[in-house]
C-alpha cells in the first residue's frame, strides 16, 4: 500500500462517493423504506444500499483494505489501512425531503496506537459539490483550492451546532446553544456533520461543534478543515464516540468551545 500514489486511492473514493450520490438523487422523490426509527434518528434501507455499493467499489480496487462504516464493517477495523464511510450523512434530512445530506469517505492509516486520516471525500449530490483533501495537501471544492474564513470577531461568526441524541448530552449542550446564540452572528443547526465540516473548510461556516459524534461522521471533514488552515479538536467520549470542535483557527478560544466538550 505504501507504494500506491494517494491519487489512486482518491480516485476510487471519488468514484464510490459519486456512485452512492447517484442512488441518493435517483431515489429523492421515491418512497423510502425505514429499517429502524429512534427518538432522534432514522435508518433507511438506502443507507445500507449505498454502503454496499461503496464497499463493492472500494474492495474491488483495494481488496486488502478493511472498511469501517455506519452500516457495518468489512474486514479488520484495526488493520493498518481502513476506509471510514458514512453512506448518507444527514439521513433524517434526506428522509424528510430536505436536500442537505452527503456521502463521506475517508482513508485512514495506522500510526502507532491510532489511525490518522490520509484522505477525505465528501460529496453533496444535490449541489454536485465534491470536496477532497489529502494529508499534507490542500482542500479542494470541485477541483478548486478553498480555505477557511478569516473572520476573527466573535460577533461576526457563523456557528453550527449538532445535538447529541442522549438526554444527558442534550441537557449539557443546550446552555451552550443559548450562550453562543447571544455572542455569535447566527447559529445554524443543519443536520449533516460531514457538510458542516466541509462548510468550515471552505469558509461558509466559521465553527462547528458537537458534543458526541461518530468517527464516520467526521473522519473526512476533519482532515478538510485542517488542510484549509483551520483546526479540528477531538476528545474520546463514552461508547467509542468523540467530542468534536472545528473552527477556522481563530475563534475556538474566544468562544470558549472547550467548555462544551467537558
Protein backbone atom coordinates (compact mmCIF):
# COMPACT_ATOMS: atom_id res chain seq x y z
CA UNK A 1 0.00 0.00 0.00
CA UNK A 2 2.87 2.37 0.77
CA UNK A 3 3.94 2.48 -2.88
CA UNK A 4 0.49 3.33 -4.22
CA UNK A 5 0.13 7.06 -5.01
CA UNK A 6 -2.51 8.84 -2.95
CA UNK A 7 -4.21 9.93 -6.17
CA UNK A 8 -5.12 6.29 -6.90
CA UNK A 9 -6.86 5.94 -3.54
CA UNK A 10 -8.54 9.30 -4.04
CA UNK A 11 -9.88 8.36 -7.47
CA UNK A 12 -11.50 5.23 -6.04
CA UNK A 13 -13.07 7.15 -3.17
CA UNK A 14 -14.44 9.79 -5.55
CA UNK A 15 -15.89 7.09 -7.80
CA UNK A 16 -17.59 5.42 -4.83
CA UNK A 17 -18.93 8.72 -3.43
CA UNK A 18 -20.40 9.76 -6.77
CA UNK A 19 -21.99 6.33 -7.25
CA UNK A 20 -23.68 6.48 -3.84
CA UNK A 21 -24.71 10.07 -4.52
CA UNK A 22 -26.44 8.95 -7.71
CA UNK A 23 -28.51 6.48 -5.68
CA UNK A 24 -29.49 9.33 -3.38
CA UNK A 25 -30.56 11.52 -6.29
CA UNK A 26 -32.36 8.74 -8.15
CA UNK A 27 -34.44 7.94 -5.05
CA UNK A 28 -35.02 11.51 -3.93
CA UNK A 29 -38.72 11.62 -4.87
CA UNK A 30 -39.45 7.93 -4.30
CA UNK A 31 -40.92 6.34 -1.15
CA UNK A 32 -38.18 5.36 1.29
CA UNK A 33 -38.18 2.22 3.40
CA UNK A 34 -37.31 2.75 7.05
CA UNK A 35 -35.22 -0.01 8.61
CA UNK A 36 -35.40 1.48 12.10
CA UNK A 37 -36.59 4.66 13.78
CA UNK A 38 -35.40 6.04 17.10
CA UNK A 39 -36.37 9.12 19.08
CA UNK A 40 -33.91 11.35 17.22
CA UNK A 41 -32.71 9.25 14.27
CA UNK A 42 -33.83 7.22 11.26
CA UNK A 43 -32.09 4.38 9.43
CA UNK A 44 -33.12 3.77 5.83
CA UNK A 45 -32.76 0.80 3.53
CA UNK A 46 -30.97 3.27 1.25
CA UNK A 47 -28.23 3.76 3.86
CA UNK A 48 -27.46 0.05 3.59
CA UNK A 49 -27.72 0.03 -0.20
CA UNK A 50 -25.37 3.00 -0.55
CA UNK A 51 -22.78 1.47 1.78
CA UNK A 52 -22.91 -1.85 -0.06
CA UNK A 53 -22.18 -0.07 -3.34
CA UNK A 54 -19.35 1.96 -1.78
CA UNK A 55 -17.89 -1.23 -0.27
CA UNK A 56 -18.12 -3.05 -3.60
CA UNK A 57 -16.26 -0.29 -5.46
CA UNK A 58 -13.56 0.20 -2.83
CA UNK A 59 -12.92 -3.50 -2.25
CA UNK A 60 -12.75 -4.13 -5.99
CA UNK A 61 -9.96 -1.57 -6.19
CA UNK A 62 -8.23 -2.46 -2.90
CA UNK A 63 -9.33 -5.89 -1.63
CA UNK A 64 -6.87 -5.86 1.28
CA UNK A 65 -8.15 -2.64 2.85
CA UNK A 66 -10.82 -3.03 5.53
CA UNK A 67 -13.86 -0.79 5.88
CA UNK A 68 -15.44 0.75 8.97
CA UNK A 69 -18.90 2.11 8.24
CA UNK A 70 -22.07 3.35 9.85
CA UNK A 71 -23.90 0.34 8.40
CA UNK A 72 -21.32 -2.25 9.45
CA UNK A 73 -17.70 -3.23 8.94
CA UNK A 74 -15.85 -5.26 6.33
CA UNK A 75 -12.57 -6.83 7.40
CA UNK A 76 -10.47 -5.92 10.42
CA UNK A 77 -11.21 -2.34 11.50
CA UNK A 78 -7.88 -2.20 13.38
CA UNK A 79 -5.84 -3.10 10.27
CA UNK A 80 -3.06 -0.83 9.02
CA UNK A 81 -5.31 0.79 6.41
CA UNK A 82 -9.07 1.23 6.62
CA UNK A 83 -11.81 3.12 4.85
CA UNK A 84 -14.21 5.04 7.11
CA UNK A 85 -17.61 5.52 5.49
CA UNK A 86 -20.86 7.30 6.18
CA UNK A 87 -23.04 6.41 3.16
CA UNK A 88 -25.71 9.06 3.84
CA UNK A 89 -24.72 11.67 6.39
CA UNK A 90 -27.91 13.56 7.12
CA UNK A 91 -30.36 10.69 6.77
CA UNK A 92 -33.14 12.45 8.69
CA UNK A 93 -32.85 15.48 6.39
CA UNK A 94 -32.96 13.18 3.37
CA UNK A 95 -36.00 11.28 4.64
CA UNK A 96 -37.92 14.49 5.38
CA UNK A 97 -37.21 15.90 1.93
CA UNK A 98 -34.50 18.39 2.86
CA UNK A 99 -31.64 18.39 0.32
CA UNK A 100 -28.86 18.67 2.89
CA UNK A 101 -27.12 15.29 3.05
CA UNK A 102 -23.87 13.88 1.72
CA UNK A 103 -21.62 10.87 1.22
CA UNK A 104 -18.48 10.87 3.37
CA UNK A 105 -15.47 8.60 2.73
CA UNK A 106 -12.07 8.74 4.45
CA UNK A 107 -8.98 6.57 4.25
CA UNK A 108 -7.03 6.10 7.45
CA UNK A 109 -3.56 4.66 8.12
CA UNK A 110 -2.43 3.30 11.47
CA UNK A 111 0.17 5.46 13.17
CA UNK A 112 1.29 3.90 16.42
CA UNK A 113 -1.79 3.25 18.53
CA UNK A 114 -4.10 5.48 16.49
CA UNK A 115 -5.30 5.81 12.92
CA UNK A 116 -4.72 9.09 11.08
CA UNK A 117 -6.80 10.20 8.12
CA UNK A 118 -4.77 10.50 4.93
CA UNK A 119 -7.55 11.43 2.52
CA UNK A 120 -11.16 12.51 2.60
CA UNK A 121 -14.01 12.85 0.13
CA UNK A 122 -17.39 14.46 0.78
CA UNK A 123 -19.98 14.59 -2.00
CA UNK A 124 -23.23 16.55 -1.95
CA UNK A 125 -25.35 15.04 -4.74
CA UNK A 126 -27.91 17.85 -4.60
CA UNK A 127 -25.47 20.66 -5.37
CA UNK A 128 -22.99 18.40 -7.21
CA UNK A 129 -20.25 19.69 -4.93
CA UNK A 130 -17.27 17.45 -4.28
CA UNK A 131 -14.78 18.26 -1.53
CA UNK A 132 -11.45 16.39 -1.47
CA UNK A 133 -8.38 16.55 0.74
CA UNK A 134 -5.17 14.60 1.21
CA UNK A 135 -2.85 14.74 4.21
CA UNK A 136 -0.28 17.48 3.69
CA UNK A 137 -2.21 18.95 0.78
CA UNK A 138 -4.97 21.49 0.23
CA UNK A 139 -8.70 21.03 0.44
CA UNK A 140 -10.42 21.39 -2.92
CA UNK A 141 -14.03 22.00 -3.87
CA UNK A 142 -14.76 20.74 -7.38
CA UNK A 143 -11.04 20.95 -8.09
CA UNK A 144 -10.54 24.49 -6.77
CA UNK A 145 -8.45 25.12 -3.64
CA UNK A 146 -10.52 26.52 -0.76
CA UNK A 147 -9.67 27.90 2.66
CA UNK A 148 -11.34 28.54 5.98
CA UNK A 149 -12.69 32.01 6.67
CA UNK A 150 -10.53 34.69 8.23
CA UNK A 151 -13.27 36.00 10.50
CA UNK A 152 -11.87 36.58 13.97
CA UNK A 153 -14.56 38.72 15.61
CA UNK A 154 -16.97 36.66 17.70
CA UNK A 155 -19.84 38.93 16.69
CA UNK A 156 -19.24 38.15 13.01
CA UNK A 157 -19.05 34.39 13.42
CA UNK A 158 -21.46 31.86 11.93
CA UNK A 159 -21.56 28.86 14.25
CA UNK A 160 -23.08 25.43 13.55
CA UNK A 161 -24.01 23.04 16.34
CA UNK A 162 -25.01 19.41 16.37
CA UNK A 163 -27.05 17.85 19.14
CA UNK A 164 -26.20 14.50 20.59
CA UNK A 165 -29.12 12.14 20.96
CA UNK A 166 -28.89 11.19 24.63
CA UNK A 167 -30.80 13.14 27.27
CA UNK A 168 -27.59 13.91 29.17
CA UNK A 169 -25.83 15.35 26.16
CA UNK A 170 -28.84 17.38 25.10
CA UNK A 171 -29.05 18.89 28.56
CA UNK A 172 -25.35 19.74 28.57
CA UNK A 173 -25.42 21.21 25.04
CA UNK A 174 -28.47 23.45 25.40
CA UNK A 175 -26.90 26.02 27.78
CA UNK A 176 -24.07 26.45 25.26
CA UNK A 177 -26.59 26.98 22.48
CA UNK A 178 -28.07 29.85 24.49
CA UNK A 179 -24.62 31.26 25.28
CA UNK A 180 -23.36 31.06 21.70
CA UNK A 181 -26.57 32.47 20.23
CA UNK A 182 -26.00 35.62 22.27
CA UNK A 183 -22.41 36.04 21.11
CA UNK A 184 -22.25 34.81 17.51
CA UNK A 185 -23.77 36.47 14.47
CA UNK A 186 -26.02 33.43 13.88
CA UNK A 187 -26.36 29.81 14.98
CA UNK A 188 -27.15 27.06 12.48
CA UNK A 189 -28.35 23.53 13.23
CA UNK A 190 -28.22 21.83 9.84
CA UNK A 191 -28.11 18.09 10.43
CA UNK A 192 -25.11 16.82 8.45
CA UNK A 193 -21.76 16.73 10.23
CA UNK A 194 -19.89 16.00 7.01
CA UNK A 195 -21.30 19.03 5.23
CA UNK A 196 -20.86 21.29 8.25
CA UNK A 197 -17.17 20.41 8.34
CA UNK A 198 -16.89 20.87 4.57
CA UNK A 199 -18.53 24.28 5.01
CA UNK A 200 -16.00 25.25 7.67
CA UNK A 201 -13.24 24.12 5.31
CA UNK A 202 -14.46 26.41 2.51
CA UNK A 203 -15.39 29.39 4.67
CA UNK A 204 -19.18 29.17 4.64
CA UNK A 205 -19.20 28.45 8.38
CA UNK A 206 -16.65 29.60 10.94
CA UNK A 207 -17.25 26.99 13.66
CA UNK A 208 -18.88 23.59 14.01
CA UNK A 209 -19.16 21.85 17.38
CA UNK A 210 -20.86 18.69 18.60
CA UNK A 211 -20.55 17.08 22.00
CA UNK A 212 -20.92 13.43 20.93
CA UNK A 213 -20.40 12.15 17.41
CA UNK A 214 -19.20 9.08 15.50
CA UNK A 215 -15.89 8.73 13.69
CA UNK A 216 -17.51 8.10 10.30
CA UNK A 217 -19.38 11.42 10.59
CA UNK A 218 -16.19 13.49 10.83
CA UNK A 219 -13.17 11.49 9.58
CA UNK A 220 -13.16 13.06 6.10
CA UNK A 221 -14.35 16.53 7.14
CA UNK A 222 -11.87 16.95 9.99
CA UNK A 223 -8.97 16.49 7.57
CA UNK A 224 -10.53 19.04 5.21
CA UNK A 225 -10.74 21.66 7.94
CA UNK A 226 -7.08 21.14 8.85
CA UNK A 227 -5.98 21.21 5.20
CA UNK A 228 -7.82 24.53 4.81
CA UNK A 229 -5.99 26.33 7.59
CA UNK A 230 -8.46 25.55 10.38
CA UNK A 231 -8.32 23.38 13.47
CA UNK A 232 -10.32 20.31 14.45
CA UNK A 233 -10.16 19.04 18.03
CA UNK A 234 -11.50 15.70 19.21
CA UNK A 235 -11.70 14.04 22.60
CA UNK A 236 -12.80 10.47 23.39
CA UNK A 237 -16.36 10.07 24.63
CA UNK A 238 -18.20 7.08 26.09
CA UNK A 239 -19.24 4.26 23.77
CA UNK A 240 -16.41 4.78 21.30
CA UNK A 241 -17.74 8.17 20.25
CA UNK A 242 -15.98 11.53 20.06
CA UNK A 243 -16.38 15.08 21.25
CA UNK A 244 -15.54 17.43 18.40
CA UNK A 245 -14.91 21.11 17.73
CA UNK A 246 -13.80 22.55 14.38
CA UNK A 247 -13.13 26.19 13.59
CA UNK A 248 -11.19 28.49 11.30
CA UNK A 249 -8.33 28.57 13.79
CA UNK A 250 -9.31 31.98 15.13
CA UNK A 251 -12.44 31.53 17.25
CA UNK A 252 -12.32 28.40 19.40
CA UNK A 253 -10.74 30.05 22.43
CA UNK A 254 -12.70 33.27 22.07
CA UNK A 255 -15.96 31.33 22.07
CA UNK A 256 -14.76 29.09 24.94
CA UNK A 257 -15.77 26.00 22.98
CA UNK A 258 -13.62 23.69 25.07
CA UNK A 259 -16.12 24.02 27.89
CA UNK A 260 -18.81 22.42 25.72
CA UNK A 261 -16.74 19.26 25.31
CA UNK A 262 -16.36 18.55 29.02
